[in-house]
């Protein structure tokens, strides 16, 4: 069973630092992990449309329309981190034009069905490759504070990049790719 402390300890081990018992155990390493973990997790979740973090939801239209521009405003889900696609029907066809402003989505469509990247707080919902990439990202972020070495920080960055690449590659092959529209070149032949 994975845990936030386990991911942070993986990062600390990569740095050669002492592990922690809890994010609130009062140690310097725990305080650093407690300060950075949520920010870095959400940053990494936003960086890619991870299959494990994709959610679908019909958005609630707000009673108050925007003062100008798009006709309608919709409330984004509380766990929303990034929009993947917005549609005006539950079939997921027909992408609509939209704009994100604050915690609302603005559009001329009367209804919005949203695919989005959600905030995943439970590490047990994260695949091992994502957890490892997150550990390397935390190690990179904490390297200077823990080791006072820019060389170690650079080493952590160089290890993070292939780890992230592996996580994205594994994620990419877990579902059938979306159909791509024919290019102008192909269309012209018909």
Foldseek 3Di string as FASTA:
>chain_A
DDDLQNLLQLLCVLLVHDGDPALPPPDPSSVLSVVCVLVLLLVLLQVDVFPLQKDKDKWDWDPDADPDDAGTKTAADPFFRFFDFKALDPVRPHTFDWDDDDRIIGHNRPIIITIGGGRDPGCVSPDPLSSNLSSLVSNLVCNCVPPVDVVSNVVSVVVNVVSSVVSVVVRVPPDDDDDDDDDPVVVVVD
